[in-house]
Protein backbone atom coordinates (compact mmCIF):
# COMPACT_ATOMS: atom_id res chain seq x y z
CA MET A 1 0.99 -16.11 3.96
CA LYS A 2 3.73 -15.29 1.11
CA ILE A 3 4.83 -11.72 -0.33
CA ALA A 4 6.13 -10.86 -3.44
CA ARG A 5 7.41 -7.24 -4.39
CA PHE A 6 7.48 -5.81 -7.67
CA GLU A 7 9.68 -2.08 -7.98
CA PHE A 8 7.78 -0.22 -10.78
CA SER A 9 9.16 2.82 -12.44
CA LEU A 10 6.60 5.38 -11.25
CA PHE A 11 8.87 7.28 -8.37
CA GLY A 12 10.38 3.86 -7.87
CA ILE A 13 6.86 2.64 -6.17
CA ASN A 14 6.75 -1.09 -4.16
CA THR A 15 3.81 -3.04 -5.27
CA TYR A 16 3.16 -6.45 -3.37
CA ALA A 17 1.38 -9.39 -3.78
CA VAL A 18 0.55 -11.27 -1.12
CA PHE A 19 -1.43 -14.56 -0.82
CA ASP A 20 -2.26 -17.84 0.67
CA PRO A 21 -0.18 -20.64 -1.03
CA ASP A 22 -2.98 -23.23 0.37
CA THR A 23 -5.59 -21.23 -1.37
CA ARG A 24 -4.19 -19.16 -4.06
CA GLU A 25 -6.10 -16.70 -3.04
CA CYS A 26 -4.04 -13.03 -3.81
CA ALA A 27 -4.36 -9.52 -2.69
CA ILE A 28 -2.57 -6.53 -4.82
CA ILE A 29 -1.26 -4.19 -2.68
CA ASP A 30 -0.97 -0.89 -4.09
CA PRO A 31 -0.87 -1.26 -7.98
CA GLY A 32 1.63 1.20 -9.03
CA MET A 33 1.77 -0.48 -13.02
CA SER A 34 2.04 2.37 -15.14
CA SER A 35 3.47 0.50 -18.91
CA ASP A 36 2.34 -2.56 -20.68
CA GLU A 37 5.34 -3.94 -19.64
CA GLU A 38 4.43 -3.39 -15.53
CA ARG A 39 0.89 -4.95 -16.30
CA GLN A 40 1.95 -8.01 -17.98
CA ALA A 41 4.85 -8.89 -15.29
CA VAL A 42 1.72 -8.74 -12.70
CA GLU A 43 -0.36 -10.81 -15.30
CA ARG A 44 2.38 -13.26 -15.53
CA PHE A 45 3.06 -13.29 -11.59
CA LEU A 46 -0.81 -14.58 -11.03
CA THR A 47 -0.69 -17.03 -14.16
CA ASN A 48 2.46 -18.78 -13.61
CA ASN A 49 1.38 -18.92 -9.71
CA ASN A 50 -2.12 -20.21 -10.22
CA LEU A 51 -3.59 -17.03 -8.01
CA GLN A 52 -7.20 -15.82 -7.87
CA LEU A 53 -6.93 -11.93 -7.59
CA THR A 54 -9.54 -11.56 -4.49
CA HIS A 55 -8.86 -7.73 -3.24
CA ILE A 56 -6.81 -4.74 -4.39
CA ILE A 57 -5.95 -2.72 -1.47
CA ASN A 58 -4.57 0.65 -1.62
CA THR A 59 -2.56 2.06 1.20
CA HIS A 60 -3.36 5.39 -0.01
CA LEU A 61 -4.42 7.35 -2.78
CA HIS A 62 -1.56 8.84 -4.02
CA ILE A 63 -1.28 8.30 -7.97
CA ASP A 64 1.97 6.26 -8.11
CA HIS A 65 0.03 3.57 -5.92
CA ALA A 66 -3.29 3.42 -7.57
CA ILE A 67 -2.40 4.08 -11.04
CA GLY A 68 -3.03 0.45 -12.02
CA ASN A 69 -6.20 -0.22 -9.98
CA ALA A 70 -8.09 0.84 -13.12
CA TRP A 71 -6.57 -2.14 -15.14
CA LEU A 72 -6.61 -4.72 -12.18
CA LYS A 73 -10.19 -3.92 -11.82
CA SER A 74 -11.38 -4.20 -15.15
CA LYS A 75 -9.41 -7.21 -16.04
CA TYR A 76 -10.11 -9.59 -12.90
CA ASN A 77 -12.94 -7.47 -11.63
CA THR A 78 -11.86 -7.72 -8.15
CA PRO A 79 -13.04 -4.68 -6.12
CA ALA A 80 -10.61 -1.70 -4.23
CA TYR A 81 -10.58 -1.64 -0.49
CA ALA A 82 -9.34 1.93 0.53
CA ASN A 83 -9.72 4.39 3.83
CA GLU A 84 -12.07 7.01 2.99
CA GLY A 85 -10.15 9.67 3.98
CA ASP A 86 -8.55 9.37 0.58
CA GLU A 87 -11.77 9.39 -1.69
CA SER A 88 -11.04 12.89 -2.47
CA LEU A 89 -7.39 12.21 -3.79
CA GLY A 90 -8.90 8.92 -5.95
CA GLN A 91 -11.28 11.28 -7.43
CA ARG A 92 -8.45 13.63 -8.89
CA MET A 93 -5.95 11.31 -9.86
CA GLU A 94 -5.93 13.72 -13.14
CA LEU A 95 -4.93 16.69 -11.35
CA GLN A 96 -2.58 14.51 -9.65
CA ALA A 97 -0.82 13.98 -12.95
CA ALA A 98 -0.84 17.38 -13.81
CA ALA A 99 0.74 18.71 -10.43
CA PHE A 100 3.17 15.98 -11.36
CA GLY A 101 3.80 16.17 -14.71
CA LEU A 102 3.23 12.83 -15.69
CA PRO A 103 2.16 12.55 -19.20
CA PHE A 104 -1.18 9.83 -18.04
CA ASP A 105 -4.49 9.94 -19.12
CA ILE A 106 -5.97 8.64 -15.77
CA LYS A 107 -9.50 8.68 -14.47
CA SER A 108 -10.79 8.45 -10.84
CA VAL A 109 -9.86 5.71 -8.68
CA GLU A 110 -13.53 4.67 -7.19
CA ILE A 111 -13.23 2.91 -3.55
CA ASP A 112 -15.52 0.16 -3.58
CA HIS A 113 -15.19 -1.30 -0.13
CA HIS A 114 -13.76 1.36 2.78
CA LEU A 115 -11.14 0.22 5.74
CA HIS A 116 -10.82 1.37 8.53
CA GLN A 117 -8.91 1.12 12.20
CA GLY A 118 -8.48 -2.37 13.09
CA ASP A 119 -10.70 -3.87 10.31
CA ILE A 120 -9.37 -7.45 9.70
CA ILE A 121 -9.21 -8.48 5.93
CA ARG A 122 -9.81 -12.33 5.02
CA ILE A 123 -7.12 -13.67 2.20
CA GLY A 124 -7.75 -17.28 1.95
CA ASN A 125 -6.24 -18.76 5.45
CA GLY A 126 -4.50 -15.31 6.45
CA SER A 127 -5.61 -12.17 7.47
CA LEU A 128 -4.11 -8.63 7.49
CA LYS A 129 -5.26 -6.03 10.30
CA VAL A 130 -5.82 -2.38 9.05
CA LEU A 131 -3.86 0.37 11.00
CA HIS A 132 -4.54 3.47 10.35
CA VAL A 133 -1.68 6.25 10.32
CA PRO A 134 -2.89 9.46 8.76
CA GLY A 135 0.05 12.22 8.15
CA HIS A 136 1.28 11.21 4.50
CA SER A 137 -2.67 11.56 3.59
CA LYS A 138 -5.81 11.96 5.71
CA GLY A 139 -6.68 7.87 4.45
CA SER A 140 -3.02 6.48 4.76
CA ILE A 141 -3.17 2.37 6.10
CA GLY A 142 -0.85 0.01 7.39
CA LEU A 143 -1.51 -3.73 6.86
CA TYR A 144 -0.01 -6.13 9.48
CA ASP A 145 -0.22 -10.04 9.18
CA GLU A 146 0.42 -10.83 12.97
CA LYS A 147 0.63 -14.63 12.35
CA ASP A 148 3.44 -14.07 9.58
CA GLY A 149 4.90 -11.32 11.38
CA PHE A 150 5.07 -8.37 8.38
CA LEU A 151 4.10 -5.10 8.03
CA ILE A 152 3.25 -3.57 4.69
CA SER A 153 3.87 0.30 5.66
CA GLY A 154 2.65 2.24 2.65
CA ASP A 155 4.50 5.87 2.47
CA ALA A 156 4.43 6.24 6.38
CA LEU A 157 7.51 4.62 7.63
CA PHE A 158 10.34 3.74 5.10
CA ALA A 159 13.63 2.45 6.13
CA GLY A 160 15.49 5.23 8.34
CA SER A 161 12.73 7.49 6.98
CA ILE A 162 9.17 8.32 7.15
CA GLY A 163 6.59 9.80 4.55
CA ARG A 164 6.35 13.28 3.01
CA THR A 165 4.04 15.51 4.32
CA ASP A 166 3.90 18.76 2.50
CA LEU A 167 0.96 17.47 0.02
CA PRO A 168 -2.35 18.18 0.09
CA GLY A 169 -3.68 16.68 3.37
CA GLY A 170 -0.40 15.61 4.74
CA SER A 171 0.87 16.46 8.72
CA MET A 172 4.24 16.07 10.22
CA PRO A 173 2.63 15.94 13.94
CA GLU A 174 0.20 13.42 13.25
CA LEU A 175 2.36 11.33 11.50
CA ILE A 176 4.84 11.13 14.04
CA GLY A 177 1.80 10.23 16.24
CA SER A 178 0.60 7.57 14.18
CA ILE A 179 3.71 5.75 13.59
CA ARG A 180 4.64 5.90 17.39
CA GLU A 181 0.80 4.81 18.47
CA ARG A 182 0.32 2.14 15.68
CA LEU A 183 3.59 0.87 14.57
CA LEU A 184 6.31 1.42 16.51
CA THR A 185 4.30 -0.81 19.18
CA LEU A 186 4.34 -3.72 16.96
CA PRO A 187 6.88 -6.56 17.72
CA PRO A 188 10.62 -5.37 17.41
CA ASP A 189 11.29 -8.38 15.11
CA THR A 190 8.50 -7.54 12.63
CA MET A 191 9.04 -7.02 9.05
CA VAL A 192 8.36 -3.81 7.48
CA TYR A 193 7.83 -3.49 3.58
CA PRO A 194 7.35 0.29 2.79
CA GLY A 195 6.06 1.29 -0.30
CA HIS A 196 9.45 2.61 -1.55
CA GLY A 197 12.66 1.76 -0.77
CA PRO A 198 14.30 -1.54 0.93
CA ALA A 199 12.24 -3.17 3.92
CA THR A 200 13.15 -3.06 7.64
CA THR A 201 12.04 -3.87 10.92
CA ILE A 202 9.99 -2.46 13.72
CA GLY A 203 13.31 -2.80 15.76
CA GLN A 204 15.86 -1.20 14.03
CA GLU A 205 13.80 2.07 13.31
CA LEU A 206 13.10 2.17 16.62
CA ARG A 207 16.99 2.40 17.35
CA SER A 208 17.80 4.31 14.18
CA ASN A 209 15.22 6.35 12.47
CA PRO A 210 16.14 10.20 13.01
CA PHE A 211 12.78 11.15 12.41
CA LEU A 212 10.97 9.18 15.23
CA LYS A 213 13.68 9.89 17.96
């Protein structure tokens, strides 16, 4: 499968499009669009590449990763997928906006399909394996494409860092444990595409991430 990255203004969120170039089926992962300009960028990408949006997937339901859900779901009649551990976060989007001082009138995010450890999401002829990595939030997941050798890690693992654990549902021991058990066991050359910041590899984080020593 192919992957494209958008960086949007709300906390520098990375939104990803993952698509099968043969069938043209596409998933948008962590829709972080919060302005008309950002929404139009995603719309142009889908149109210009003749892609059919089949999945909206959230690695977790903090506001920066889910603020574009409602627009995508309404425009493309596409279901949203996330882990049920974050259902309460999705229901408290308005409170999340207020907590961060964000001037958004945002409705709750509803999960249409719950994702669990080991689930396989089919996108055309490709697939993403769900890896449950709680600690940043209760329902945080990673999405692993074994065939193409990449991981979308959400806010669990970053280049040289890990996700914060001081928000509701966060736990440092749980995050470190789930990263070590479910992410660092992937092949070292696996590309890692995080929720913020630049890409890295599993091998690079094994060697030099100071939080994982």
